[in-house]
PDB file of N, CA and C in Angstrom:
ATOM      1  N   UNK A   1       0.883  -1.226   0.000  1.00  0.00           N
ATOM      2  CA  UNK A   1       0.044   0.001  -0.005  1.00  0.00           C
ATOM      3  C   UNK A   1       0.883   1.255   0.002  1.00  0.00           C
ATOM      4  N   UNK A   2       0.646   2.201  -0.823  1.00  0.00           N
ATOM      5  CA  UNK A   2       1.275   3.436  -0.958  1.00  0.00           C
ATOM      6  C   UNK A   2       0.373   4.577  -0.923  1.00  0.00           C
ATOM      7  N   UNK A   3       0.609   5.614  -0.201  1.00  0.00           N
ATOM      8  CA  UNK A   3      -0.269   6.722  -0.132  1.00  0.00           C
ATOM      9  C   UNK A   3       0.543   7.953  -0.420  1.00  0.00           C
ATOM     10  N   UNK A   4       0.403   8.565  -1.609  1.00  0.00           N
ATOM     11  CA  UNK A   4       1.048   9.779  -2.022  1.00  0.00           C
ATOM     12  C   UNK A   4       2.610   9.659  -1.734  1.00  0.00           C
ATOM     13  N   UNK A   5       3.281   8.642  -2.143  1.00  0.00           N
ATOM     14  CA  UNK A   5       4.627   8.482  -1.923  1.00  0.00           C
ATOM     15  C   UNK A   5       5.048   7.828  -0.682  1.00  0.00           C
ATOM     16  N   UNK A   6       4.133   7.690   0.227  1.00  0.00           N
ATOM     17  CA  UNK A   6       4.373   7.044   1.530  1.00  0.00           C
ATOM     18  C   UNK A   6       4.171   5.507   1.382  1.00  0.00           C
ATOM     19  N   UNK A   7       5.213   4.745   1.729  1.00  0.00           N
ATOM     20  CA  UNK A   7       5.104   3.272   1.580  1.00  0.00           C
ATOM     21  C   UNK A   7       4.999   2.662   2.970  1.00  0.00           C
ATOM     22  N   UNK A   8       3.874   2.170   3.350  1.00  0.00           N
ATOM     23  CA  UNK A   8       3.608   1.640   4.670  1.00  0.00           C
ATOM     24  C   UNK A   8       4.475   0.359   4.920  1.00  0.00           C
ATOM     25  N   UNK A   9       4.955  -0.217   3.903  1.00  0.00           N
ATOM     26  CA  UNK A   9       5.788  -1.412   3.989  1.00  0.00           C
ATOM     27  C   UNK A   9       7.255  -1.141   4.126  1.00  0.00           C
ATOM     28  N   UNK A  10       7.698   0.112   4.242  1.00  0.00           N
ATOM     29  CA  UNK A  10       9.053   0.472   4.425  1.00  0.00           C
ATOM     30  C   UNK A  10       9.263   0.802   5.918  1.00  0.00           C
ATOM     31  N   UNK A  11      10.575   0.818   6.366  1.00  0.00           N
ATOM     32  CA  UNK A  11      10.837   1.161   7.729  1.00  0.00           C
ATOM     33  C   UNK A  11      10.879   2.709   7.966  1.00  0.00           C
ATOM     34  N   UNK A  12      10.197   3.144   9.023  1.00  0.00           N
ATOM     35  CA  UNK A  12      10.128   4.559   9.284  1.00  0.00           C
ATOM     36  C   UNK A  12      10.560   4.812  10.723  1.00  0.00           C
ATOM     37  N   UNK A  13      10.756   6.075  11.037  1.00  0.00           N
ATOM     38  CA  UNK A  13      11.058   6.483  12.425  1.00  0.00           C
ATOM     39  C   UNK A  13      10.678   7.947  12.650  1.00  0.00           C
ATOM     40  N   UNK A  14      10.564   8.331  13.861  1.00  0.00           N
ATOM     41  CA  UNK A  14      10.321   9.757  14.168  1.00  0.00           C
ATOM     42  C   UNK A  14      11.658  10.442  13.804  1.00  0.00           C
ATOM     43  N   UNK A  15      11.523  11.549  13.104  1.00  0.00           N
ATOM     44  CA  UNK A  15      12.695  12.363  12.698  1.00  0.00           C
ATOM     45  C   UNK A  15      13.462  12.755  13.981  1.00  0.00           C
ATOM     46  N   UNK A  16      14.829  12.634  13.925  1.00  0.00           N
ATOM     47  CA  UNK A  16      15.652  12.919  15.136  1.00  0.00           C
ATOM     48  C   UNK A  16      15.437  14.409  15.565  1.00  0.00           C
ATOM     49  N   UNK A  17      14.920  15.275  14.765  1.00  0.00           N
ATOM     50  CA  UNK A  17      14.733  16.667  15.067  1.00  0.00           C
ATOM     51  C   UNK A  17      13.336  17.005  15.638  1.00  0.00           C
ATOM     52  N   UNK A  18      12.563  15.885  15.868  1.00  0.00           N
ATOM     53  CA  UNK A  18      11.191  16.047  16.364  1.00  0.00           C
ATOM     54  C   UNK A  18      11.143  15.764  17.875  1.00  0.00           C
ATOM     55  N   UNK A  19      10.438  16.607  18.577  1.00  0.00           N
ATOM     56  CA  UNK A  19      10.132  16.364  19.989  1.00  0.00           C
ATOM     57  C   UNK A  19       8.682  16.029  20.116  1.00  0.00           C
ATOM     58  N   UNK A  20       8.443  15.022  20.897  1.00  0.00           N
ATOM     59  CA  UNK A  20       6.984  14.520  21.136  1.00  0.00           C
ATOM     60  C   UNK A  20       6.645  14.805  22.621  1.00  0.00           C
ATOM     61  N   UNK A  21       5.476  15.467  22.732  1.00  0.00           N
ATOM     62  CA  UNK A  21       4.918  15.645  24.100  1.00  0.00           C
ATOM     63  C   UNK A  21       3.568  15.005  24.174  1.00  0.00           C
ATOM     64  N   UNK A  22       3.488  13.916  24.922  1.00  0.00           N
ATOM     65  CA  UNK A  22       2.191  13.238  25.108  1.00  0.00           C
ATOM     66  C   UNK A  22       1.144  14.131  25.820  1.00  0.00           C
ATOM     67  N   UNK A  23      -0.071  14.050  25.355  1.00  0.00           N
ATOM     68  CA  UNK A  23      -1.191  14.793  25.863  1.00  0.00           C
ATOM     69  C   UNK A  23      -2.371  13.868  26.007  1.00  0.00           C
ATOM     70  N   UNK A  24      -3.371  14.223  26.798  1.00  0.00           N
ATOM     71  CA  UNK A  24      -4.581  13.384  27.009  1.00  0.00           C
ATOM     72  C   UNK A  24      -5.225  12.975  25.678  1.00  0.00           C
ATOM     73  N   UNK A  25      -5.119  13.892  24.762  1.00  0.00           N
ATOM     74  CA  UNK A  25      -5.864  13.621  23.380  1.00  0.00           C
ATOM     75  C   UNK A  25      -4.908  12.829  22.492  1.00  0.00           C
ATOM     76  N   UNK A  26      -3.640  12.760  22.727  1.00  0.00           N
ATOM     77  CA  UNK A  26      -2.731  12.051  21.807  1.00  0.00           C
ATOM     78  C   UNK A  26      -1.335  12.642  22.077  1.00  0.00           C
ATOM     79  N   UNK A  27      -0.888  13.634  21.243  1.00  0.00           N
ATOM     80  CA  UNK A  27       0.422  14.190  21.425  1.00  0.00           C
ATOM     81  C   UNK A  27       0.553  15.394  20.600  1.00  0.00           C
ATOM     82  N   UNK A  28       1.573  16.212  20.993  1.00  0.00           N
ATOM     83  CA  UNK A  28       2.014  17.344  20.235  1.00  0.00           C
ATOM     84  C   UNK A  28       3.455  16.963  19.677  1.00  0.00           C
ATOM     85  N   UNK A  29       3.690  17.169  18.418  1.00  0.00           N
ATOM     86  CA  UNK A  29       4.949  16.934  17.768  1.00  0.00           C
ATOM     87  C   UNK A  29       5.514  18.307  17.329  1.00  0.00           C
ATOM     88  N   UNK A  30       6.758  18.618  17.660  1.00  0.00           N
ATOM     89  CA  UNK A  30       7.424  19.861  17.155  1.00  0.00           C
ATOM     90  C   UNK A  30       8.673  19.477  16.424  1.00  0.00           C
ATOM     91  N   UNK A  31       8.839  20.032  15.247  1.00  0.00           N
ATOM     92  CA  UNK A  31      10.033  19.792  14.432  1.00  0.00           C
ATOM     93  C   UNK A  31      10.956  20.980  14.513  1.00  0.00           C
ATOM     94  N   UNK A  32      12.049  20.803  15.157  1.00  0.00           N
ATOM     95  CA  UNK A  32      13.043  21.844  15.382  1.00  0.00           C
ATOM     96  C   UNK A  32      13.625  22.403  14.085  1.00  0.00           C
ATOM     97  N   UNK A  33      13.692  21.680  13.058  1.00  0.00           N
ATOM     98  CA  UNK A  33      14.281  22.123  11.822  1.00  0.00           C
ATOM     99  C   UNK A  33      13.286  22.926  11.008  1.00  0.00           C
ATOM    100  N   UNK A  34      12.060  22.510  10.873  1.00  0.00           N
ATOM    101  CA  UNK A  34      11.030  23.212  10.147  1.00  0.00           C
ATOM    102  C   UNK A  34      10.180  24.165  10.967  1.00  0.00           C
ATOM    103  N   UNK A  35      10.311  24.056  12.256  1.00  0.00           N
ATOM    104  CA  UNK A  35       9.558  24.803  13.242  1.00  0.00           C
ATOM    105  C   UNK A  35       8.097  24.587  13.098  1.00  0.00           C
ATOM    106  N   UNK A  36       7.645  23.426  12.608  1.00  0.00           N
ATOM    107  CA  UNK A  36       6.247  23.069  12.496  1.00  0.00           C
ATOM    108  C   UNK A  36       5.779  22.327  13.686  1.00  0.00           C
ATOM    109  N   UNK A  37       4.555  22.496  14.054  1.00  0.00           N
ATOM    110  CA  UNK A  37       3.801  21.863  15.119  1.00  0.00           C
ATOM    111  C   UNK A  37       2.712  20.899  14.469  1.00  0.00           C
ATOM    112  N   UNK A  38       2.671  19.718  15.068  1.00  0.00           N
ATOM    113  CA  UNK A  38       1.659  18.714  14.519  1.00  0.00           C
ATOM    114  C   UNK A  38       0.942  18.093  15.746  1.00  0.00           C
ATOM    115  N   UNK A  39      -0.324  17.795  15.569  1.00  0.00           N
ATOM    116  CA  UNK A  39      -1.147  17.194  16.603  1.00  0.00           C
ATOM    117  C   UNK A  39      -1.414  15.680  16.239  1.00  0.00           C
ATOM    118  N   UNK A  40      -1.193  14.801  17.188  1.00  0.00           N
ATOM    119  CA  UNK A  40      -1.650  13.374  17.004  1.00  0.00           C
ATOM    120  C   UNK A  40      -2.951  13.279  17.869  1.00  0.00           C
ATOM    121  N   UNK A  41      -4.040  12.934  17.162  1.00  0.00           N
ATOM    122  CA  UNK A  41      -5.349  13.032  17.783  1.00  0.00           C
ATOM    123  C   UNK A  41      -5.851  11.982  18.622  1.00  0.00           C
ATOM    124  N   UNK A  42      -5.127  10.791  18.767  1.00  0.00           N
ATOM    125  CA  UNK A  42      -5.466   9.785  19.619  1.00  0.00           C
ATOM    126  C   UNK A  42      -4.364   9.023  20.124  1.00  0.00           C
ATOM    127  N   UNK A  43      -4.562   8.202  21.121  1.00  0.00           N
ATOM    128  CA  UNK A  43      -3.516   7.411  21.794  1.00  0.00           C
ATOM    129  C   UNK A  43      -2.971   6.313  20.908  1.00  0.00           C
ATOM    130  N   UNK A  44      -3.770   5.802  20.058  1.00  0.00           N
ATOM    131  CA  UNK A  44      -3.345   4.683  19.218  1.00  0.00           C
ATOM    132  C   UNK A  44      -2.381   5.155  18.115  1.00  0.00           C
ATOM    133  N   UNK A  45      -2.675   6.301  17.500  1.00  0.00           N
ATOM    134  CA  UNK A  45      -1.759   6.819  16.539  1.00  0.00           C
ATOM    135  C   UNK A  45      -0.423   7.221  17.217  1.00  0.00           C
ATOM    136  N   UNK A  46      -0.493   7.705  18.417  1.00  0.00           N
ATOM    137  CA  UNK A  46       0.718   7.983  19.222  1.00  0.00           C
ATOM    138  C   UNK A  46       1.539   6.687  19.414  1.00  0.00           C
ATOM    139  N   UNK A  47       0.819   5.568  19.747  1.00  0.00           N
ATOM    140  CA  UNK A  47       1.533   4.296  19.963  1.00  0.00           C
ATOM    141  C   UNK A  47       2.129   3.881  18.645  1.00  0.00           C
ATOM    142  N   UNK A  48       1.501   4.048  17.501  1.00  0.00           N
ATOM    143  CA  UNK A  48       2.152   3.684  16.257  1.00  0.00           C
ATOM    144  C   UNK A  48       3.395   4.479  15.982  1.00  0.00           C
ATOM    145  N   UNK A  49       3.265   5.790  16.083  1.00  0.00           N
ATOM    146  CA  UNK A  49       4.400   6.732  15.833  1.00  0.00           C
ATOM    147  C   UNK A  49       5.596   6.355  16.705  1.00  0.00           C
ATOM    148  N   UNK A  50       5.268   6.212  18.057  1.00  0.00           N
ATOM    149  CA  UNK A  50       6.310   5.944  19.032  1.00  0.00           C
ATOM    150  C   UNK A  50       7.138   4.661  18.687  1.00  0.00           C
ATOM    151  N   UNK A  51       6.395   3.716  18.126  1.00  0.00           N
ATOM    152  CA  UNK A  51       6.984   2.393  17.961  1.00  0.00           C
ATOM    153  C   UNK A  51       7.575   2.150  16.500  1.00  0.00           C
ATOM    154  N   UNK A  52       7.468   3.193  15.676  1.00  0.00           N
ATOM    155  CA  UNK A  52       7.934   2.959  14.274  1.00  0.00           C
ATOM    156  C   UNK A  52       9.347   2.446  14.156  1.00  0.00           C
ATOM    157  N   UNK A  53      10.270   2.976  15.003  1.00  0.00           N
ATOM    158  CA  UNK A  53      11.691   2.472  14.898  1.00  0.00           C
ATOM    159  C   UNK A  53      11.895   1.095  15.452  1.00  0.00           C
ATOM    160  N   UNK A  54      10.846   0.551  16.142  1.00  0.00           N
ATOM    161  CA  UNK A  54      10.962  -0.801  16.729  1.00  0.00           C
ATOM    162  C   UNK A  54      10.510  -1.875  15.813  1.00  0.00           C
ATOM    163  N   UNK A  55       9.981  -1.453  14.631  1.00  0.00           N
ATOM    164  CA  UNK A  55       9.370  -2.467  13.707  1.00  0.00           C
ATOM    165  C   UNK A  55       9.923  -2.414  12.342  1.00  0.00           C
ATOM    166  N   UNK A  56       9.896  -3.457  11.616  1.00  0.00           N
ATOM    167  CA  UNK A  56      10.474  -3.454  10.202  1.00  0.00           C
ATOM    168  C   UNK A  56       9.711  -2.563   9.239  1.00  0.00           C
ATOM    169  N   UNK A  57       8.453  -2.195   9.539  1.00  0.00           N
ATOM    170  CA  UNK A  57       7.674  -1.324   8.683  1.00  0.00           C
ATOM    171  C   UNK A  57       6.643  -0.672   9.428  1.00  0.00           C
ATOM    172  N   UNK A  58       6.052   0.369   8.785  1.00  0.00           N
ATOM    173  CA  UNK A  58       4.941   1.068   9.462  1.00  0.00           C
ATOM    174  C   UNK A  58       3.780   0.119   9.515  1.00  0.00           C
ATOM    175  N   UNK A  59       3.576  -0.764   8.551  1.00  0.00           N
ATOM    176  CA  UNK A  59       2.452  -1.749   8.725  1.00  0.00           C
ATOM    177  C   UNK A  59       2.600  -2.563   9.942  1.00  0.00           C
ATOM    178  N   UNK A  60       3.812  -3.028  10.235  1.00  0.00           N
ATOM    179  CA  UNK A  60       4.074  -3.839  11.411  1.00  0.00           C
ATOM    180  C   UNK A  60       3.885  -3.004  12.724  1.00  0.00           C
ATOM    181  N   UNK A  61       4.227  -1.736  12.755  1.00  0.00           N
ATOM    182  CA  UNK A  61       4.004  -0.890  13.905  1.00  0.00           C
ATOM    183  C   UNK A  61       2.472  -0.711  14.100  1.00  0.00           C
ATOM    184  N   UNK A  62       1.782  -0.583  13.019  1.00  0.00           N
ATOM    185  CA  UNK A  62       0.255  -0.459  13.083  1.00  0.00           C
ATOM    186  C   UNK A  62      -0.374  -1.761  13.679  1.00  0.00           C
ATOM    187  N   UNK A  63       0.100  -2.874  13.187  1.00  0.00           N
ATOM    188  CA  UNK A  63      -0.362  -4.139  13.638  1.00  0.00           C
ATOM    189  C   UNK A  63      -0.114  -4.335  15.148  1.00  0.00           C
ATOM    190  N   UNK A  64       1.138  -3.972  15.598  1.00  0.00           N
ATOM    191  CA  UNK A  64       1.465  -4.034  16.920  1.00  0.00           C
ATOM    192  C   UNK A  64       0.676  -3.162  17.897  1.00  0.00           C
ATOM    193  N   UNK A  65       0.222  -2.055  17.417  1.00  0.00           N
ATOM    194  CA  UNK A  65      -0.592  -1.183  18.123  1.00  0.00           C
ATOM    195  C   UNK A  65      -2.133  -1.559  18.044  1.00  0.00           C
ATOM    196  N   UNK A  66      -2.480  -2.631  17.353  1.00  0.00           N
ATOM    197  CA  UNK A  66      -3.840  -3.114  17.364  1.00  0.00           C
ATOM    198  C   UNK A  66      -4.639  -2.490  16.196  1.00  0.00           C
ATOM    199  N   UNK A  67      -4.056  -1.873  15.211  1.00  0.00           N
ATOM    200  CA  UNK A  67      -4.755  -1.298  14.073  1.00  0.00           C
ATOM    201  C   UNK A  67      -5.266  -2.477  13.200  1.00  0.00           C
ATOM    202  N   UNK A  68      -6.505  -2.507  12.949  1.00  0.00           N
ATOM    203  CA  UNK A  68      -7.039  -3.641  12.094  1.00  0.00           C
ATOM    204  C   UNK A  68      -6.840  -3.296  10.564  1.00  0.00           C
ATOM    205  N   UNK A  69      -6.976  -4.309   9.759  1.00  0.00           N
ATOM    206  CA  UNK A  69      -6.857  -4.054   8.269  1.00  0.00           C
ATOM    207  C   UNK A  69      -7.855  -3.084   7.799  1.00  0.00           C
ATOM    208  N   UNK A  70      -9.061  -3.059   8.355  1.00  0.00           N
ATOM    209  CA  UNK A  70     -10.033  -2.085   7.971  1.00  0.00           C
ATOM    210  C   UNK A  70      -9.664  -0.693   8.294  1.00  0.00           C
ATOM    211  N   UNK A  71      -8.919  -0.527   9.455  1.00  0.00           N
ATOM    212  CA  UNK A  71      -8.554   0.847   9.897  1.00  0.00           C
ATOM    213  C   UNK A  71      -7.240   1.289   9.189  1.00  0.00           C
ATOM    214  N   UNK A  72      -6.503   0.295   8.591  1.00  0.00           N
ATOM    215  CA  UNK A  72      -5.140   0.624   8.027  1.00  0.00           C
ATOM    216  C   UNK A  72      -5.104   1.759   7.092  1.00  0.00           C
ATOM    217  N   UNK A  73      -6.047   1.975   6.113  1.00  0.00           N
ATOM    218  CA  UNK A  73      -5.967   3.147   5.268  1.00  0.00           C
ATOM    219  C   UNK A  73      -5.958   4.479   5.930  1.00  0.00           C
ATOM    220  N   UNK A  74      -6.709   4.577   7.004  1.00  0.00           N
ATOM    221  CA  UNK A  74      -6.806   5.828   7.785  1.00  0.00           C
ATOM    222  C   UNK A  74      -5.410   6.163   8.407  1.00  0.00           C
ATOM    223  N   UNK A  75      -4.846   5.016   9.009  1.00  0.00           N
ATOM    224  CA  UNK A  75      -3.564   5.240   9.634  1.00  0.00           C
ATOM    225  C   UNK A  75      -2.483   5.474   8.597  1.00  0.00           C
ATOM    226  N   UNK A  76      -2.544   4.887   7.468  1.00  0.00           N
ATOM    227  CA  UNK A  76      -1.599   5.109   6.377  1.00  0.00           C
ATOM    228  C   UNK A  76      -1.598   6.586   5.917  1.00  0.00           C
ATOM    229  N   UNK A  77      -2.856   7.177   5.767  1.00  0.00           N
ATOM    230  CA  UNK A  77      -2.993   8.524   5.415  1.00  0.00           C
ATOM    231  C   UNK A  77      -2.435   9.477   6.515  1.00  0.00           C
ATOM    232  N   UNK A  78      -2.674   9.127   7.762  1.00  0.00           N
ATOM    233  CA  UNK A  78      -2.130   9.888   8.841  1.00  0.00           C
ATOM    234  C   UNK A  78      -0.575   9.896   8.791  1.00  0.00           C
ATOM    235  N   UNK A  79       0.063   8.675   8.631  1.00  0.00           N
ATOM    236  CA  UNK A  79       1.540   8.563   8.528  1.00  0.00           C
ATOM    237  C   UNK A  79       2.095   9.246   7.311  1.00  0.00           C
ATOM    238  N   UNK A  80       1.236   9.195   6.194  1.00  0.00           N
ATOM    239  CA  UNK A  80       1.706   9.931   4.970  1.00  0.00           C
ATOM    240  C   UNK A  80       1.785  11.446   5.225  1.00  0.00           C
ATOM    241  N   UNK A  81       0.800  11.941   5.973  1.00  0.00           N
ATOM    242  CA  UNK A  81       0.813  13.351   6.339  1.00  0.00           C
ATOM    243  C   UNK A  81       1.988  13.659   7.243  1.00  0.00           C
ATOM    244  N   UNK A  82       2.257  12.754   8.181  1.00  0.00           N
ATOM    245  CA  UNK A  82       3.502  13.054   9.076  1.00  0.00           C
ATOM    246  C   UNK A  82       4.824  13.006   8.218  1.00  0.00           C
ATOM    247  N   UNK A  83       4.800  12.120   7.189  1.00  0.00           N
ATOM    248  CA  UNK A  83       5.997  12.034   6.378  1.00  0.00           C
ATOM    249  C   UNK A  83       6.167  13.296   5.527  1.00  0.00           C
ATOM    250  N   UNK A  84       5.022  13.724   4.951  1.00  0.00           N
ATOM    251  CA  UNK A  84       5.095  15.009   4.182  1.00  0.00           C
ATOM    252  C   UNK A  84       5.530  16.206   4.970  1.00  0.00           C
ATOM    253  N   UNK A  85       5.207  16.207   6.239  1.00  0.00           N
ATOM    254  CA  UNK A  85       5.618  17.331   7.121  1.00  0.00           C
ATOM    255  C   UNK A  85       6.948  17.125   7.761  1.00  0.00           C
ATOM    256  N   UNK A  86       7.637  16.059   7.390  1.00  0.00           N
ATOM    257  CA  UNK A  86       8.933  15.744   7.887  1.00  0.00           C
ATOM    258  C   UNK A  86       8.997  15.328   9.345  1.00  0.00           C
ATOM    259  N   UNK A  87       7.820  15.013   9.901  1.00  0.00           N
ATOM    260  CA  UNK A  87       7.807  14.564  11.350  1.00  0.00           C
ATOM    261  C   UNK A  87       8.380  13.135  11.495  1.00  0.00           C
ATOM    262  N   UNK A  88       8.083  12.342  10.460  1.00  0.00           N
ATOM    263  CA  UNK A  88       8.693  10.965  10.403  1.00  0.00           C
ATOM    264  C   UNK A  88       9.504  10.883   9.097  1.00  0.00           C
ATOM    265  N   UNK A  89      10.542  10.075   9.163  1.00  0.00           N
ATOM    266  CA  UNK A  89      11.424   9.872   7.953  1.00  0.00           C
ATOM    267  C   UNK A  89      11.714   8.391   7.823  1.00  0.00           C
ATOM    268  N   UNK A  90      11.936   8.092   6.539  1.00  0.00           N
ATOM    269  CA  UNK A  90      12.246   6.655   6.198  1.00  0.00           C
ATOM    270  C   UNK A  90      13.613   6.315   6.847  1.00  0.00           C
ATOM    271  N   UNK A  91      13.600   5.118   7.405  1.00  0.00           N
ATOM    272  CA  UNK A  91      14.772   4.660   8.122  1.00  0.00           C
ATOM    273  C   UNK A  91      15.562   3.715   7.159  1.00  0.00           C
ATOM    274  N   UNK A  92      16.861   3.871   7.224  1.00  0.00           N
ATOM    275  CA  UNK A  92      17.719   3.012   6.442  1.00  0.00           C
ATOM    276  C   UNK A  92      18.017   1.832   7.291  1.00  0.00           C
ATOM    277  N   UNK A  93      17.974   0.653   6.587  1.00  0.00           N
ATOM    278  CA  UNK A  93      18.226  -0.564   7.335  1.00  0.00           C
ATOM    279  C   UNK A  93      19.614  -1.044   6.908  1.00  0.00           C
ATOM    280  N   UNK A  94      20.507  -1.222   7.932  1.00  0.00           N
ATOM    281  CA  UNK A  94      21.895  -1.662   7.657  1.00  0.00           C
ATOM    282  C   UNK A  94      21.964  -3.128   7.356  1.00  0.00           C
TER     283      UNK A  94
END
């Protein structure tokens, strides 16, 4: 599955220049390079984003957070938006 250049089957991570602040609604993300602020609107998307670096793909991170196949397109779009805003970046696998 690919959403506007975002490949859910590739390895991703939170960009090293991003700070995450958990909130009751989800989290605030701030990118120190672009000076952009982003909101994660629920705890499950926060769990996915936090665990991206621990999984071989964004799809695997979604599955580990309990995202169903039916919900996956919504999460893929959210992750694609985060990638477009440079909050997450593709991880190189050594």
